[in-house]
Amino acid sequence: MKPTLITISGYAQSGKDTIADIIIEEAIRDNWLTRKHKFATPLRMALTRAYRNLEIEIDFFTEEKALKEKLRPTMVAFGELAREENPDVFAKIIANEVDEYLSQSEADHPRLSIISDNRYLNEWETMNSLALSKGYTHYHITAVKSCSSGESYANTAERKSIPILQDTIKGRTGCFVASANEGDVETLRIFARGFYAHKLRG
C-alpha cells in the first residue's frame, strides 16, 4: 500500500477524533505504522513555552473541559494573529511533519498519517498538494453531527471557515462524509471501520 494521508474536518464534537482513532486501531492490526497530527499542536506548544517563560505552568494540551474552555479565547486570538501574518504557518509546519513521517514508509509496514482538525481550506490544499507531489494517497472525511440544535462551532472563525472548506471539496474524488446523531459513537465506529476496510485494507 502507498503511504496514506487522511484529513478530517468538522465542527466541534462532530466525531473527528473518534473516527481518526478507530481507523488507527484498525490499521495497527494490519501492520500499518500510524501517527495522528493536529494543526493546533504548534499553537499549543508555542503558548505553553510562552507561559513557561513567565514561570507559569499551563497545560494547553489539556482535555479537561472547563480548562479547555478557559484557554480557548487565548488560543483563538493567538492563532488568528499568526494566520494574519502567514495564513499557511500551521499548515506548512504539519505538512513538513507529515512528509517526514510518510516518506519513511516501507512495503511491509506502510505508513498512515491522520490529521483530525482540518478547519481551513488552505490547510486541505497544502496537504493535497503534498500528497500529489510525493505520490501519497490522500483521503478527506467530513464529520457531520446531526442534531436538532445544529452544529456547534468552537469560534467565529471556525463557523466561517468550515463551510468554505466543505463546499469547495464536496464531491471530489477521495472525499467522504460521515454523518451521525449527537452522541452516536456506534455509527461513527461503523463508518470508520467500513472506510478502512474499503480504502486502506482493500
Protein backbone atom coordinates (compact mmCIF):
# COMPACT_ATOMS: atom_id res chain seq x y z
CA MET A 1 0.00 0.00 0.00
CA LYS A 2 1.10 3.57 -0.70
CA PRO A 3 1.77 5.94 2.18
CA THR A 4 -1.59 7.45 3.04
CA LEU A 5 -2.78 10.76 4.45
CA ILE A 6 -6.27 11.31 5.81
CA THR A 7 -7.54 14.77 6.69
CA ILE A 8 -10.72 15.10 8.76
CA SER A 9 -12.85 18.23 9.06
CA GLY A 10 -15.97 19.08 11.04
CA TYR A 11 -17.32 21.30 13.78
CA ALA A 12 -16.62 20.79 17.46
CA GLN A 13 -17.75 17.42 18.86
CA SER A 14 -18.69 16.06 15.43
CA GLY A 15 -16.60 12.90 15.93
CA LYS A 16 -13.35 13.83 14.17
CA ASP A 17 -11.04 12.27 16.75
CA THR A 18 -13.33 9.28 17.24
CA ILE A 19 -13.14 8.48 13.52
CA ALA A 20 -9.37 9.01 13.47
CA ASP A 21 -8.77 6.79 16.50
CA ILE A 22 -10.89 3.91 15.14
CA ILE A 23 -9.16 3.99 11.74
CA ILE A 24 -5.79 3.96 13.51
CA GLU A 25 -6.86 0.97 15.63
CA GLU A 26 -7.83 -0.96 12.50
CA ALA A 27 -4.63 -0.01 10.68
CA ILE A 28 -2.36 -1.08 13.52
CA ARG A 29 -3.91 -4.55 13.38
CA ASP A 30 -2.79 -4.78 9.74
CA ASN A 31 0.80 -3.70 10.47
CA TRP A 32 0.45 -0.10 9.38
CA LEU A 33 2.64 2.42 11.17
CA THR A 34 0.36 5.29 12.16
CA ARG A 35 0.54 8.80 13.51
CA LYS A 36 -2.13 11.36 14.34
CA HIS A 37 -1.26 15.00 13.70
CA LYS A 38 -3.06 18.23 14.56
CA PHE A 39 -2.69 21.70 13.09
CA ALA A 40 -3.27 23.03 16.61
CA THR A 41 -0.19 21.30 18.03
CA PRO A 42 2.37 24.01 17.07
CA LEU A 43 -0.01 26.61 18.50
CA ARG A 44 -0.37 24.75 21.79
CA MET A 45 3.38 24.23 22.02
CA ALA A 46 4.10 27.91 21.37
CA LEU A 47 1.64 29.05 24.03
CA THR A 48 2.96 26.53 26.55
CA ARG A 49 6.51 27.83 26.00
CA ALA A 50 5.39 31.47 26.19
CA TYR A 51 3.74 30.97 29.58
CA ARG A 52 6.64 28.87 30.80
CA ASN A 53 8.94 31.81 30.04
CA LEU A 54 6.81 33.74 32.52
CA GLU A 55 7.28 30.89 35.01
CA ILE A 56 3.60 29.95 34.67
CA GLU A 57 2.71 26.33 34.00
CA ILE A 58 -0.46 25.98 31.91
CA ASP A 59 -1.34 22.78 30.07
CA PHE A 60 -2.57 23.90 26.65
CA PHE A 61 -2.90 20.20 25.71
CA THR A 62 -5.47 19.54 28.42
CA GLU A 63 -8.61 17.53 27.69
CA GLU A 64 -10.31 18.79 30.84
CA LYS A 65 -13.43 20.52 29.57
CA ALA A 66 -13.55 23.53 31.90
CA LEU A 67 -9.88 24.37 31.40
CA LYS A 68 -10.18 23.93 27.62
CA GLU A 69 -12.99 26.46 27.55
CA LYS A 70 -10.97 28.86 29.69
CA LEU A 71 -7.95 28.61 27.38
CA ARG A 72 -9.90 28.70 24.11
CA PRO A 73 -10.06 32.55 23.73
CA THR A 74 -6.29 32.81 24.17
CA MET A 75 -5.67 30.06 21.62
CA VAL A 76 -8.11 31.55 19.11
CA ALA A 77 -6.62 35.04 19.40
CA PHE A 78 -3.04 33.74 19.09
CA GLY A 79 -3.93 31.53 16.15
CA GLU A 80 -5.76 34.30 14.28
CA LEU A 81 -2.85 36.71 14.81
CA ALA A 82 -0.38 34.12 13.49
CA ARG A 83 -2.53 33.36 10.42
CA GLU A 84 -2.88 37.08 9.69
CA GLU A 85 0.90 37.25 9.39
CA ASN A 86 1.16 33.96 7.49
CA PRO A 87 -2.05 32.06 6.57
CA ASP A 88 -0.05 28.88 5.93
CA VAL A 89 2.05 28.96 9.10
CA PHE A 90 0.47 25.93 10.79
CA ALA A 91 -0.25 24.09 7.54
CA LYS A 92 3.41 24.22 6.49
CA ILE A 93 4.68 23.00 9.86
CA ILE A 94 2.36 19.99 9.82
CA ALA A 95 3.00 19.33 6.12
CA ASN A 96 6.72 19.00 6.88
CA GLU A 97 5.94 16.73 9.84
CA VAL A 98 3.65 14.52 7.75
CA ASP A 99 6.11 14.34 4.85
CA GLU A 100 8.98 13.38 7.14
CA TYR A 101 6.87 10.56 8.58
CA LEU A 102 5.29 9.21 5.38
CA SER A 103 8.50 9.37 3.35
CA GLN A 104 9.92 6.58 5.54
CA SER A 105 7.15 4.14 4.60
CA GLU A 106 8.16 0.57 3.73
CA ALA A 107 6.32 -2.08 1.71
CA ASP A 108 5.79 -4.40 4.68
CA HIS A 109 4.92 -1.55 7.03
CA PRO A 110 3.09 1.21 5.13
CA ARG A 111 2.60 4.47 6.97
CA LEU A 112 -0.62 6.33 7.70
CA SER A 113 -0.91 9.94 8.85
CA ILE A 114 -4.24 11.31 10.04
CA ILE A 115 -4.91 14.98 10.68
CA SER A 116 -8.05 15.27 12.78
CA ASP A 117 -8.55 19.03 12.96
CA ASN A 118 -8.70 20.34 9.37
CA ARG A 119 -10.69 23.59 9.67
CA TYR A 120 -9.39 25.77 6.82
CA LEU A 121 -9.37 25.35 3.05
CA ASN A 122 -5.70 26.31 2.76
CA GLU A 123 -4.82 23.51 5.19
CA TRP A 124 -6.54 20.97 2.94
CA GLU A 125 -4.91 22.49 -0.17
CA THR A 126 -1.46 22.28 1.42
CA MET A 127 -1.94 18.63 2.35
CA ASN A 128 -3.45 17.73 -1.01
CA SER A 129 -0.55 19.40 -2.83
CA LEU A 130 1.91 17.49 -0.65
CA ALA A 131 0.18 14.18 -1.45
CA LEU A 132 0.12 14.91 -5.18
CA SER A 133 3.77 15.95 -5.31
CA LYS A 134 5.04 12.97 -3.28
CA GLY A 135 2.70 10.26 -4.56
CA TYR A 136 0.87 9.76 -1.27
CA THR A 137 -2.75 8.67 -1.23
CA HIS A 138 -4.96 11.42 0.23
CA TYR A 139 -8.48 10.94 1.56
CA HIS A 140 -10.67 13.51 3.26
CA ILE A 141 -13.52 12.83 5.68
CA THR A 142 -16.11 15.43 6.66
CA ALA A 143 -17.67 14.63 10.03
CA VAL A 144 -21.23 15.90 10.35
CA LYS A 145 -23.16 15.89 13.63
CA SER A 146 -26.90 15.54 13.03
CA CYS A 147 -28.94 17.04 15.86
CA SER A 148 -31.91 19.37 16.35
CA SER A 149 -29.69 22.12 17.78
CA GLY A 150 -27.43 22.09 14.71
CA GLU A 151 -23.64 22.01 14.57
CA SER A 152 -21.62 23.55 17.40
CA TYR A 153 -18.57 25.60 16.49
CA ALA A 154 -15.59 26.49 18.64
CA ASN A 155 -15.33 30.11 17.47
CA THR A 156 -16.49 32.58 14.81
CA ALA A 157 -13.56 31.83 12.52
CA GLU A 158 -14.45 28.12 12.52
CA ARG A 159 -18.07 28.94 11.77
CA LYS A 160 -16.94 30.74 8.61
CA SER A 161 -14.03 28.55 7.52
CA ILE A 162 -15.52 25.07 7.72
CA PRO A 163 -18.45 25.69 5.30
CA ILE A 164 -15.98 27.15 2.77
CA LEU A 165 -13.80 24.06 3.07
CA GLN A 166 -16.72 21.65 2.83
CA ASP A 167 -18.39 23.39 -0.11
CA THR A 168 -15.13 23.57 -2.07
CA ILE A 169 -14.18 19.91 -1.79
CA LYS A 170 -17.69 18.40 -1.86
CA GLY A 171 -17.94 15.65 -4.47
CA ARG A 172 -14.22 15.47 -5.18
CA THR A 173 -12.59 12.09 -5.60
CA GLY A 174 -11.34 10.80 -2.26
CA CYS A 175 -13.70 12.96 -0.18
CA PHE A 176 -16.28 11.29 2.07
CA VAL A 177 -18.93 12.31 4.61
CA ALA A 178 -19.52 10.64 8.00
CA SER A 179 -22.86 11.66 9.48
CA ALA A 180 -24.10 10.60 12.92
CA ASN A 181 -26.54 11.81 15.53
CA GLU A 182 -25.09 13.57 18.55
CA GLY A 183 -23.50 11.01 20.85
CA ASP A 184 -23.94 8.14 18.37
CA VAL A 185 -20.47 6.67 18.59
CA GLU A 186 -21.58 3.33 17.13
CA THR A 187 -22.48 4.92 13.77
CA LEU A 188 -19.08 6.61 13.67
CA ARG A 189 -17.42 3.29 14.52
CA ILE A 190 -19.27 1.53 11.68
CA PHE A 191 -18.29 4.28 9.23
CA ALA A 192 -14.62 4.27 10.29
CA ARG A 193 -14.28 0.50 10.10
CA GLY A 194 -16.05 0.38 6.74
CA PHE A 195 -13.90 3.19 5.40
CA TYR A 196 -10.74 1.42 6.49
CA ALA A 197 -11.86 -1.93 5.05
CA HIS A 198 -12.71 -0.47 1.62
CA LYS A 199 -9.99 2.16 1.21
CA LEU A 200 -6.96 1.00 3.15
CA ARG A 201 -7.23 -2.75 3.67
CA GLY A 202 -8.50 -3.45 0.16
